[in-house]
Amino acid sequence: MPEQAQDRSVRIIGGKWRSRKVSFADYEQIRPSPSRIRETLFNWLQYHVSGSCCLELYGGSGILSLEALSRGARHVTLIERSRQVCAHIKQEFERLADDPQSFDCLNLQAEDYLQNHRQGALFDLAFLDPPFASDELCRVLPLVGHCMTSDGLIYIETDNQLDPDMLPSGWEISRHKKAGSVHYGLCRRVQAS
């Protein structure tokens, strides 16, 4: 019996593009955040998304950035190491976005982008959902803090329990949950007492 083609699409769950389906590139390592996790995340972020500038360090399907734009984010920057995946993300965003200036997708390694972003614009939200079973999170987490506004938030999705020692200096885990084998959480700067 022939193998069925895998569905390479995901549905946006909230905002002005709610229920719209978007496709993602046929690339083995792309693992879109499940809708249940996205719903929890954007409930956490409900007062932080509108007007925000967002950074998604592992573009993949682009779904976290699409959810943010759908809910009123001002701009999203996606970083994607695969040229083909980056081209696919741009095509999907161009199909949906009213304003082509509302997003950028850069064909770069996440770590390279962060190391060269010392003087760039600051982000209100950062989404870190690297390939599971990789050491990407350990390498990029110490670097991401300097890209964030003073009240910025960092979202992490991983297959391991969230370790506060991995966070940039002066950051803490403010919320976290587990769904199946996925651990996810929101981090913020430590509040001065």
N, C-alpha and C. Protein backbone atom coordinates (compact mmCIF):
# COMPACT_ATOMS: atom_id res chain seq x y z
N MET A 1 0.85 -1.18 0.00
CA MET A 1 0.00 0.00 0.00
C MET A 1 0.89 1.24 0.00
N PRO A 2 0.64 2.23 -0.88
CA PRO A 2 1.50 3.42 -0.94
C PRO A 2 1.36 4.25 0.34
N GLU A 3 2.47 4.87 0.70
CA GLU A 3 2.49 5.72 1.88
C GLU A 3 1.73 7.01 1.60
N GLN A 4 0.87 7.43 2.54
CA GLN A 4 0.11 8.67 2.36
C GLN A 4 1.02 9.88 2.54
N ALA A 5 0.78 10.88 1.72
CA ALA A 5 1.54 12.13 1.85
C ALA A 5 1.17 12.79 3.17
N GLN A 6 2.17 13.26 3.88
CA GLN A 6 1.95 13.94 5.16
C GLN A 6 1.40 15.33 4.90
N ASP A 7 0.41 15.72 5.72
CA ASP A 7 -0.16 17.06 5.59
C ASP A 7 0.88 18.07 6.06
N ARG A 8 1.27 18.97 5.19
CA ARG A 8 2.29 19.98 5.50
C ARG A 8 1.61 21.33 5.69
N SER A 9 0.55 21.35 6.48
CA SER A 9 -0.13 22.62 6.74
C SER A 9 -0.51 22.69 8.21
N VAL A 10 -0.77 23.90 8.65
CA VAL A 10 -1.15 24.16 10.03
C VAL A 10 -2.15 25.31 10.02
N ARG A 11 -3.07 25.30 10.96
CA ARG A 11 -4.12 26.32 11.01
C ARG A 11 -3.79 27.38 12.05
N ILE A 12 -3.95 28.65 11.69
CA ILE A 12 -3.77 29.76 12.62
C ILE A 12 -4.98 29.75 13.57
N ILE A 13 -4.73 29.85 14.87
CA ILE A 13 -5.84 29.65 15.82
C ILE A 13 -6.47 30.93 16.36
N GLY A 14 -5.87 32.09 16.10
CA GLY A 14 -6.46 33.31 16.66
C GLY A 14 -6.17 34.55 15.85
N GLY A 15 -6.90 35.62 16.15
CA GLY A 15 -6.66 36.90 15.50
C GLY A 15 -7.37 37.04 14.16
N LYS A 16 -6.92 38.01 13.36
CA LYS A 16 -7.61 38.32 12.11
C LYS A 16 -7.50 37.21 11.07
N TRP A 17 -6.49 36.34 11.19
CA TRP A 17 -6.36 35.23 10.24
C TRP A 17 -6.83 33.91 10.84
N ARG A 18 -7.58 33.98 11.90
CA ARG A 18 -8.07 32.78 12.58
C ARG A 18 -8.69 31.80 11.58
N SER A 19 -8.33 30.54 11.73
CA SER A 19 -8.82 29.42 10.91
C SER A 19 -8.18 29.33 9.53
N ARG A 20 -7.31 30.29 9.16
CA ARG A 20 -6.62 30.19 7.87
C ARG A 20 -5.55 29.13 7.96
N LYS A 21 -5.47 28.32 6.91
CA LYS A 21 -4.43 27.29 6.86
C LYS A 21 -3.23 27.82 6.10
N VAL A 22 -2.05 27.51 6.60
CA VAL A 22 -0.81 27.87 5.91
C VAL A 22 0.01 26.61 5.74
N SER A 23 0.72 26.55 4.65
CA SER A 23 1.57 25.38 4.42
C SER A 23 2.98 25.66 4.93
N PHE A 24 3.73 24.59 5.17
CA PHE A 24 5.13 24.75 5.53
C PHE A 24 5.97 23.81 4.68
N ALA A 25 7.23 24.15 4.55
CA ALA A 25 8.12 23.43 3.64
C ALA A 25 8.26 21.96 4.03
N ASP A 26 8.49 21.15 3.02
CA ASP A 26 8.69 19.72 3.21
C ASP A 26 10.13 19.48 3.66
N TYR A 27 10.32 19.68 4.96
CA TYR A 27 11.65 19.59 5.55
C TYR A 27 11.51 18.82 6.85
N GLU A 28 12.23 17.75 6.98
CA GLU A 28 12.07 16.78 8.06
C GLU A 28 12.07 17.39 9.46
N GLN A 29 12.90 18.39 9.70
CA GLN A 29 13.04 18.93 11.06
C GLN A 29 11.96 19.94 11.47
N ILE A 30 11.07 20.29 10.55
CA ILE A 30 10.03 21.25 10.91
C ILE A 30 8.96 20.54 11.73
N ARG A 31 8.72 21.10 12.90
CA ARG A 31 7.76 20.55 13.86
C ARG A 31 6.95 21.72 14.40
N PRO A 32 5.86 22.09 13.72
CA PRO A 32 5.09 23.26 14.18
C PRO A 32 4.58 23.06 15.61
N SER A 33 4.57 24.13 16.37
CA SER A 33 4.03 24.08 17.73
C SER A 33 2.56 23.66 17.65
N PRO A 34 2.17 22.65 18.43
CA PRO A 34 0.77 22.19 18.39
C PRO A 34 -0.20 23.31 18.79
N SER A 35 -1.42 23.23 18.28
CA SER A 35 -2.41 24.28 18.54
C SER A 35 -2.69 24.43 20.03
N ARG A 36 -2.69 23.34 20.78
CA ARG A 36 -2.96 23.44 22.22
C ARG A 36 -1.88 24.27 22.92
N ILE A 37 -0.63 24.08 22.53
CA ILE A 37 0.47 24.85 23.11
C ILE A 37 0.39 26.31 22.66
N ARG A 38 0.10 26.54 21.38
CA ARG A 38 -0.03 27.92 20.89
C ARG A 38 -1.16 28.66 21.59
N GLU A 39 -2.25 27.96 21.85
CA GLU A 39 -3.37 28.60 22.54
C GLU A 39 -2.94 29.05 23.95
N THR A 40 -2.25 28.17 24.67
CA THR A 40 -1.76 28.54 26.01
C THR A 40 -0.78 29.70 25.92
N LEU A 41 0.18 29.60 25.02
CA LEU A 41 1.19 30.66 24.87
C LEU A 41 0.53 32.01 24.61
N PHE A 42 -0.39 32.07 23.65
CA PHE A 42 -0.96 33.37 23.31
C PHE A 42 -1.99 33.85 24.34
N ASN A 43 -2.49 32.96 25.17
CA ASN A 43 -3.26 33.40 26.34
C ASN A 43 -2.32 34.09 27.32
N TRP A 44 -1.14 33.51 27.53
CA TRP A 44 -0.13 34.15 28.39
C TRP A 44 0.25 35.52 27.86
N LEU A 45 0.32 35.63 26.53
CA LEU A 45 0.83 36.85 25.88
C LEU A 45 -0.26 37.85 25.49
N GLN A 46 -1.49 37.61 25.88
CA GLN A 46 -2.60 38.40 25.33
C GLN A 46 -2.44 39.91 25.47
N TYR A 47 -1.73 40.37 26.49
CA TYR A 47 -1.56 41.82 26.66
C TYR A 47 -0.20 42.31 26.15
N HIS A 48 0.55 41.44 25.53
CA HIS A 48 1.92 41.79 25.10
C HIS A 48 2.12 41.80 23.59
N VAL A 49 1.17 41.24 22.83
CA VAL A 49 1.40 41.04 21.39
C VAL A 49 1.11 42.29 20.57
N SER A 50 -0.01 42.94 20.82
CA SER A 50 -0.42 44.07 19.99
C SER A 50 0.65 45.16 19.97
N GLY A 51 1.09 45.53 18.77
CA GLY A 51 2.09 46.58 18.60
C GLY A 51 3.52 46.14 18.86
N SER A 52 3.73 44.86 19.13
CA SER A 52 5.07 44.38 19.49
C SER A 52 5.94 44.08 18.27
N CYS A 53 7.25 44.04 18.53
CA CYS A 53 8.23 43.55 17.55
C CYS A 53 8.70 42.19 18.04
N CYS A 54 8.62 41.19 17.18
CA CYS A 54 8.90 39.82 17.57
C CYS A 54 10.06 39.23 16.78
N LEU A 55 10.75 38.31 17.42
CA LEU A 55 11.86 37.59 16.82
C LEU A 55 11.58 36.10 16.95
N GLU A 56 11.58 35.38 15.83
CA GLU A 56 11.45 33.92 15.85
C GLU A 56 12.76 33.36 15.32
N LEU A 57 13.55 32.76 16.22
CA LEU A 57 14.92 32.36 15.87
C LEU A 57 15.02 31.07 15.04
N TYR A 58 13.97 30.29 15.01
CA TYR A 58 13.98 29.06 14.20
C TYR A 58 12.69 29.06 13.39
N GLY A 59 12.74 29.72 12.23
CA GLY A 59 11.54 29.97 11.44
C GLY A 59 10.67 28.75 11.21
N GLY A 60 11.22 27.68 10.69
CA GLY A 60 10.47 26.44 10.47
C GLY A 60 9.17 26.67 9.72
N SER A 61 8.05 26.48 10.40
CA SER A 61 6.74 26.70 9.78
C SER A 61 6.36 28.17 9.81
N GLY A 62 6.98 28.95 10.71
CA GLY A 62 6.64 30.36 10.87
C GLY A 62 5.36 30.59 11.65
N ILE A 63 4.78 29.52 12.21
CA ILE A 63 3.46 29.64 12.81
C ILE A 63 3.42 30.57 14.02
N LEU A 64 4.47 30.61 14.83
CA LEU A 64 4.43 31.50 15.99
C LEU A 64 4.41 32.96 15.56
N SER A 65 5.18 33.29 14.54
CA SER A 65 5.18 34.66 14.02
C SER A 65 3.86 35.00 13.34
N LEU A 66 3.28 34.03 12.63
CA LEU A 66 1.98 34.26 11.99
C LEU A 66 0.90 34.50 13.04
N GLU A 67 0.94 33.72 14.12
CA GLU A 67 -0.02 33.93 15.21
C GLU A 67 0.16 35.33 15.81
N ALA A 68 1.40 35.77 15.96
CA ALA A 68 1.66 37.10 16.52
C ALA A 68 1.15 38.19 15.58
N LEU A 69 1.46 38.10 14.29
CA LEU A 69 0.97 39.09 13.32
C LEU A 69 -0.55 39.10 13.27
N SER A 70 -1.14 37.92 13.30
CA SER A 70 -2.60 37.80 13.27
C SER A 70 -3.25 38.53 14.44
N ARG A 71 -2.52 38.59 15.56
CA ARG A 71 -3.04 39.22 16.78
C ARG A 71 -2.56 40.66 16.95
N GLY A 72 -1.95 41.25 15.92
CA GLY A 72 -1.64 42.67 15.97
C GLY A 72 -0.20 43.04 16.23
N ALA A 73 0.73 42.09 16.16
CA ALA A 73 2.15 42.46 16.28
C ALA A 73 2.49 43.44 15.16
N ARG A 74 3.38 44.37 15.45
CA ARG A 74 3.77 45.39 14.46
C ARG A 74 4.74 44.82 13.42
N HIS A 75 5.67 43.99 13.89
CA HIS A 75 6.68 43.44 12.98
C HIS A 75 7.21 42.12 13.54
N VAL A 76 7.51 41.18 12.64
CA VAL A 76 8.16 39.93 13.04
C VAL A 76 9.40 39.73 12.18
N THR A 77 10.45 39.24 12.82
CA THR A 77 11.68 38.87 12.13
C THR A 77 11.89 37.38 12.37
N LEU A 78 11.97 36.62 11.30
CA LEU A 78 12.22 35.19 11.39
C LEU A 78 13.63 34.89 10.92
N ILE A 79 14.30 34.00 11.62
CA ILE A 79 15.63 33.55 11.25
C ILE A 79 15.51 32.08 10.86
N GLU A 80 16.00 31.72 9.70
CA GLU A 80 15.89 30.34 9.22
C GLU A 80 17.15 29.96 8.46
N ARG A 81 17.76 28.85 8.86
CA ARG A 81 19.05 28.46 8.25
C ARG A 81 18.91 27.82 6.88
N SER A 82 17.75 27.24 6.56
CA SER A 82 17.56 26.61 5.25
C SER A 82 17.05 27.64 4.24
N ARG A 83 17.74 27.76 3.13
CA ARG A 83 17.34 28.72 2.09
C ARG A 83 15.95 28.37 1.53
N GLN A 84 15.69 27.06 1.32
CA GLN A 84 14.40 26.63 0.77
C GLN A 84 13.25 26.92 1.76
N VAL A 85 13.49 26.64 3.04
CA VAL A 85 12.46 26.90 4.04
C VAL A 85 12.21 28.39 4.16
N CYS A 86 13.27 29.18 4.13
CA CYS A 86 13.14 30.64 4.19
C CYS A 86 12.30 31.16 3.02
N ALA A 87 12.54 30.65 1.83
CA ALA A 87 11.77 31.06 0.65
C ALA A 87 10.30 30.68 0.81
N HIS A 88 10.04 29.51 1.37
CA HIS A 88 8.66 29.07 1.56
C HIS A 88 7.95 29.96 2.59
N ILE A 89 8.64 30.28 3.67
CA ILE A 89 8.06 31.17 4.69
C ILE A 89 7.69 32.52 4.06
N LYS A 90 8.61 33.10 3.29
CA LYS A 90 8.33 34.40 2.65
C LYS A 90 7.09 34.32 1.77
N GLN A 91 6.96 33.22 1.02
CA GLN A 91 5.82 33.04 0.12
C GLN A 91 4.51 32.99 0.92
N GLU A 92 4.48 32.27 2.02
CA GLU A 92 3.28 32.17 2.84
C GLU A 92 2.93 33.51 3.50
N PHE A 93 3.94 34.21 3.99
CA PHE A 93 3.70 35.50 4.64
C PHE A 93 3.21 36.52 3.62
N GLU A 94 3.78 36.52 2.44
CA GLU A 94 3.35 37.46 1.40
C GLU A 94 1.91 37.21 1.00
N ARG A 95 1.49 35.96 1.05
CA ARG A 95 0.11 35.59 0.71
C ARG A 95 -0.88 36.16 1.73
N LEU A 96 -0.49 36.23 3.00
CA LEU A 96 -1.39 36.66 4.06
C LEU A 96 -1.27 38.14 4.45
N ALA A 97 -0.04 38.60 4.56
CA ALA A 97 0.21 39.93 5.17
C ALA A 97 -0.31 41.07 4.30
N ASP A 98 -1.01 42.00 4.95
CA ASP A 98 -1.49 43.21 4.27
C ASP A 98 -0.31 44.13 3.96
N ASP A 99 0.68 44.12 4.83
CA ASP A 99 1.83 45.01 4.71
C ASP A 99 3.11 44.19 4.59
N PRO A 100 3.74 44.20 3.42
CA PRO A 100 4.98 43.42 3.25
C PRO A 100 6.12 43.90 4.14
N GLN A 101 5.98 45.10 4.72
CA GLN A 101 7.00 45.61 5.63
C GLN A 101 6.83 45.08 7.06
N SER A 102 5.81 44.25 7.28
CA SER A 102 5.53 43.76 8.64
C SER A 102 6.34 42.52 9.01
N PHE A 103 7.14 42.00 8.06
CA PHE A 103 7.94 40.81 8.36
C PHE A 103 9.22 40.78 7.56
N ASP A 104 10.20 40.10 8.13
CA ASP A 104 11.46 39.78 7.44
C ASP A 104 11.75 38.32 7.73
N CYS A 105 12.27 37.62 6.75
CA CYS A 105 12.77 36.26 6.98
C CYS A 105 14.20 36.24 6.46
N LEU A 106 15.15 36.02 7.37
CA LEU A 106 16.57 36.08 7.03
C LEU A 106 17.16 34.68 7.02
N ASN A 107 17.87 34.35 5.96
CA ASN A 107 18.50 33.04 5.80
C ASN A 107 19.85 33.05 6.53
N LEU A 108 19.80 32.75 7.84
CA LEU A 108 20.97 32.78 8.71
C LEU A 108 20.86 31.71 9.78
N GLN A 109 21.97 31.39 10.42
CA GLN A 109 21.96 30.57 11.62
C GLN A 109 21.55 31.47 12.79
N ALA A 110 20.77 30.94 13.71
CA ALA A 110 20.29 31.73 14.86
C ALA A 110 21.46 32.31 15.65
N GLU A 111 22.46 31.50 15.91
CA GLU A 111 23.60 31.97 16.71
C GLU A 111 24.35 33.10 16.01
N ASP A 112 24.53 32.98 14.70
CA ASP A 112 25.21 34.04 13.93
C ASP A 112 24.42 35.34 13.98
N TYR A 113 23.10 35.23 13.84
CA TYR A 113 22.26 36.43 13.90
C TYR A 113 22.43 37.13 15.24
N LEU A 114 22.35 36.38 16.33
CA LEU A 114 22.44 36.98 17.67
C LEU A 114 23.82 37.60 17.92
N GLN A 115 24.87 36.95 17.47
CA GLN A 115 26.22 37.48 17.70
C GLN A 115 26.46 38.77 16.93
N ASN A 116 25.75 38.95 15.82
CA ASN A 116 25.93 40.16 15.01
C ASN A 116 24.85 41.21 15.24
N HIS A 117 24.00 41.01 16.23
CA HIS A 117 22.87 41.91 16.46
C HIS A 117 23.10 42.81 17.68
N ARG A 118 24.29 43.17 17.93
CA ARG A 118 24.61 43.96 19.12
C ARG A 118 24.00 45.36 19.10
N GLN A 119 23.91 45.97 17.93
CA GLN A 119 23.41 47.35 17.84
C GLN A 119 22.05 47.43 17.16
N GLY A 120 21.41 46.30 16.89
CA GLY A 120 20.14 46.32 16.16
C GLY A 120 18.96 46.70 17.02
N ALA A 121 17.79 46.74 16.40
CA ALA A 121 16.55 47.05 17.10
C ALA A 121 16.27 45.99 18.16
N LEU A 122 15.61 46.41 19.21
CA LEU A 122 15.28 45.48 20.30
C LEU A 122 13.90 44.87 20.07
N PHE A 123 13.72 43.69 20.61
CA PHE A 123 12.48 42.94 20.43
C PHE A 123 11.69 42.87 21.74
N ASP A 124 10.36 42.87 21.60
CA ASP A 124 9.47 42.73 22.74
C ASP A 124 9.24 41.26 23.08
N LEU A 125 9.21 40.43 22.04
CA LEU A 125 8.97 38.99 22.21
C LEU A 125 9.96 38.21 21.36
N ALA A 126 10.49 37.13 21.93
CA ALA A 126 11.36 36.23 21.17
C ALA A 126 10.81 34.82 21.32
N PHE A 127 10.72 34.10 20.20
CA PHE A 127 10.26 32.71 20.18
C PHE A 127 11.44 31.81 19.86
N LEU A 128 11.74 30.88 20.77
CA LEU A 128 12.84 29.94 20.59
C LEU A 128 12.29 28.52 20.61
N ASP A 129 12.18 27.93 19.45
CA ASP A 129 11.69 26.57 19.30
C ASP A 129 12.65 25.82 18.38
N PRO A 130 13.87 25.54 18.89
CA PRO A 130 14.89 24.91 18.05
C PRO A 130 14.59 23.44 17.80
N PRO A 131 15.29 22.83 16.82
CA PRO A 131 15.11 21.38 16.61
C PRO A 131 15.37 20.63 17.91
N PHE A 132 14.49 19.70 18.22
CA PHE A 132 14.69 18.88 19.42
C PHE A 132 15.95 18.03 19.23
N ALA A 133 16.49 17.57 20.35
CA ALA A 133 17.71 16.74 20.35
C ALA A 133 18.88 17.47 19.71
N SER A 134 18.91 18.79 19.88
CA SER A 134 20.07 19.57 19.41
C SER A 134 20.56 20.39 20.59
N ASP A 135 21.75 20.98 20.44
CA ASP A 135 22.28 21.82 21.52
C ASP A 135 22.05 23.31 21.23
N GLU A 136 21.16 23.60 20.28
CA GLU A 136 20.90 24.98 19.87
C GLU A 136 20.49 25.87 21.05
N LEU A 137 19.59 25.37 21.88
CA LEU A 137 19.08 26.19 22.98
C LEU A 137 20.21 26.62 23.92
N CYS A 138 21.11 25.70 24.23
CA CYS A 138 22.25 26.03 25.11
C CYS A 138 23.13 27.10 24.49
N ARG A 139 23.22 27.12 23.17
CA ARG A 139 24.11 28.06 22.51
C ARG A 139 23.47 29.44 22.34
N VAL A 140 22.15 29.48 22.10
CA VAL A 140 21.54 30.79 21.80
C VAL A 140 20.94 31.49 23.02
N LEU A 141 20.51 30.74 24.02
CA LEU A 141 19.89 31.39 25.18
C LEU A 141 20.79 32.43 25.86
N PRO A 142 22.08 32.15 26.05
CA PRO A 142 22.92 33.18 26.68
C PRO A 142 23.05 34.46 25.84
N LEU A 143 22.76 34.37 24.53
CA LEU A 143 22.95 35.51 23.63
C LEU A 143 21.70 36.35 23.41
N VAL A 144 20.53 35.78 23.66
CA VAL A 144 19.29 36.44 23.24
C VAL A 144 18.91 37.63 24.12
N GLY A 145 19.35 37.66 25.36
CA GLY A 145 18.96 38.73 26.28
C GLY A 145 19.29 40.13 25.78
N HIS A 146 20.44 40.30 25.11
CA HIS A 146 20.82 41.64 24.66
C HIS A 146 19.97 42.15 23.50
N CYS A 147 19.14 41.29 22.93
CA CYS A 147 18.25 41.70 21.82
C CYS A 147 16.88 42.14 22.31
N MET A 148 16.66 42.05 23.64
CA MET A 148 15.32 42.23 24.18
C MET A 148 15.14 43.60 24.85
N THR A 149 13.92 44.13 24.76
CA THR A 149 13.58 45.35 25.48
C THR A 149 13.60 45.05 26.98
N SER A 150 13.54 46.08 27.79
CA SER A 150 13.63 45.89 29.25
C SER A 150 12.47 45.06 29.79
N ASP A 151 11.30 45.12 29.14
CA ASP A 151 10.18 44.29 29.59
C ASP A 151 9.86 43.19 28.59
N GLY A 152 10.86 42.82 27.78
CA GLY A 152 10.69 41.78 26.77
C GLY A 152 10.47 40.40 27.39
N LEU A 153 9.89 39.51 26.61
CA LEU A 153 9.61 38.14 27.04
C LEU A 153 10.22 37.15 26.05
N ILE A 154 10.76 36.06 26.56
CA ILE A 154 11.35 35.01 25.73
C ILE A 154 10.54 33.74 25.92
N TYR A 155 10.05 33.19 24.81
CA TYR A 155 9.32 31.92 24.85
C TYR A 155 10.27 30.80 24.44
N ILE A 156 10.23 29.70 25.19
CA ILE A 156 11.09 28.54 24.91
C ILE A 156 10.22 27.30 24.77
N GLU A 157 10.51 26.50 23.74
CA GLU A 157 9.85 25.21 23.55
C GLU A 157 10.93 24.17 23.32
N THR A 158 10.90 23.09 24.12
CA THR A 158 11.98 22.11 24.07
C THR A 158 11.48 20.73 24.47
N ASP A 159 12.30 19.73 24.23
CA ASP A 159 11.95 18.37 24.64
C ASP A 159 12.55 18.03 26.01
N ASN A 160 13.21 18.98 26.63
CA ASN A 160 13.79 18.79 27.96
C ASN A 160 13.13 19.73 28.96
N GLN A 161 13.19 19.37 30.22
CA GLN A 161 12.67 20.26 31.26
C GLN A 161 13.42 21.58 31.21
N LEU A 162 12.70 22.68 31.41
CA LEU A 162 13.34 24.00 31.37
C LEU A 162 14.26 24.16 32.56
N ASP A 163 15.49 24.56 32.27
CA ASP A 163 16.52 24.71 33.29
C ASP A 163 16.82 26.19 33.48
N PRO A 164 16.51 26.75 34.65
CA PRO A 164 16.78 28.18 34.88
C PRO A 164 18.25 28.55 34.68
N ASP A 165 19.16 27.60 34.87
CA ASP A 165 20.59 27.88 34.69
C ASP A 165 20.97 28.14 33.24
N MET A 166 20.10 27.75 32.29
CA MET A 166 20.38 27.97 30.87
C MET A 166 20.04 29.40 30.44
N LEU A 167 19.26 30.11 31.26
CA LEU A 167 18.77 31.43 30.86
C LEU A 167 19.88 32.47 30.88
N PRO A 168 19.67 33.55 30.11
CA PRO A 168 20.62 34.65 30.19
C PRO A 168 20.67 35.19 31.62
N SER A 169 21.78 35.76 31.98
CA SER A 169 21.92 36.34 33.32
C SER A 169 20.83 37.39 33.54
N GLY A 170 20.19 37.32 34.71
CA GLY A 170 19.15 38.29 35.03
C GLY A 170 17.77 37.94 34.53
N TRP A 171 17.58 36.70 34.03
CA TRP A 171 16.29 36.26 33.52
C TRP A 171 15.77 35.11 34.38
N GLU A 172 14.43 34.96 34.40
CA GLU A 172 13.80 33.89 35.16
C GLU A 172 12.63 33.30 34.35
N ILE A 173 12.26 32.08 34.70
CA ILE A 173 11.10 31.45 34.09
C ILE A 173 9.87 31.94 34.85
N SER A 174 8.95 32.60 34.15
CA SER A 174 7.77 33.14 34.83
C SER A 174 6.56 32.21 34.71
N ARG A 175 6.49 31.44 33.64
CA ARG A 175 5.40 30.49 33.45
C ARG A 175 5.96 29.30 32.69
N HIS A 176 5.45 28.12 33.01
CA HIS A 176 5.87 26.95 32.24
C HIS A 176 4.82 25.85 32.36
N LYS A 177 4.81 25.00 31.33
CA LYS A 177 3.88 23.87 31.28
C LYS A 177 4.54 22.75 30.49
N LYS A 178 3.87 21.61 30.51
CA LYS A 178 4.31 20.45 29.73
C LYS A 178 3.08 19.88 29.03
N ALA A 179 3.25 19.56 27.75
CA ALA A 179 2.18 18.91 26.98
C ALA A 179 2.82 17.73 26.27
N GLY A 180 2.47 16.52 26.68
CA GLY A 180 3.12 15.34 26.12
C GLY A 180 4.59 15.38 26.46
N SER A 181 5.44 15.30 25.45
CA SER A 181 6.89 15.35 25.69
C SER A 181 7.47 16.75 25.51
N VAL A 182 6.60 17.74 25.32
CA VAL A 182 7.06 19.11 25.05
C VAL A 182 6.99 19.95 26.32
N HIS A 183 8.11 20.55 26.67
CA HIS A 183 8.18 21.51 27.78
C HIS A 183 8.21 22.90 27.15
N TYR A 184 7.44 23.82 27.72
CA TYR A 184 7.44 25.17 27.17
C TYR A 184 7.22 26.18 28.28
N GLY A 185 7.79 27.36 28.07
CA GLY A 185 7.68 28.36 29.11
C GLY A 185 7.99 29.75 28.62
N LEU A 186 7.67 30.71 29.47
CA LEU A 186 7.87 32.11 29.18
C LEU A 186 8.85 32.66 30.20
N CYS A 187 9.84 33.41 29.73
CA CYS A 187 10.88 33.96 30.60
C CYS A 187 10.85 35.47 30.54
N ARG A 188 11.22 36.09 31.67
CA ARG A 188 11.27 37.55 31.76
C ARG A 188 12.47 37.94 32.60
N ARG A 189 12.80 39.22 32.54
CA ARG A 189 13.89 39.71 33.39
C ARG A 189 13.46 39.61 34.85
N VAL A 190 14.41 39.34 35.71
CA VAL A 190 14.16 39.28 37.14
C VAL A 190 13.73 40.67 37.60
N GLN A 191 12.61 40.74 38.29
CA GLN A 191 12.07 42.01 38.76
C GLN A 191 12.86 42.48 40.00
N ALA A 192 13.26 43.73 39.99
CA ALA A 192 13.97 44.28 41.14
C ALA A 192 13.03 44.34 42.34
N SER A 193 13.53 43.97 43.53
CA SER A 193 12.65 43.99 44.71
C SER A 193 12.79 45.28 45.48
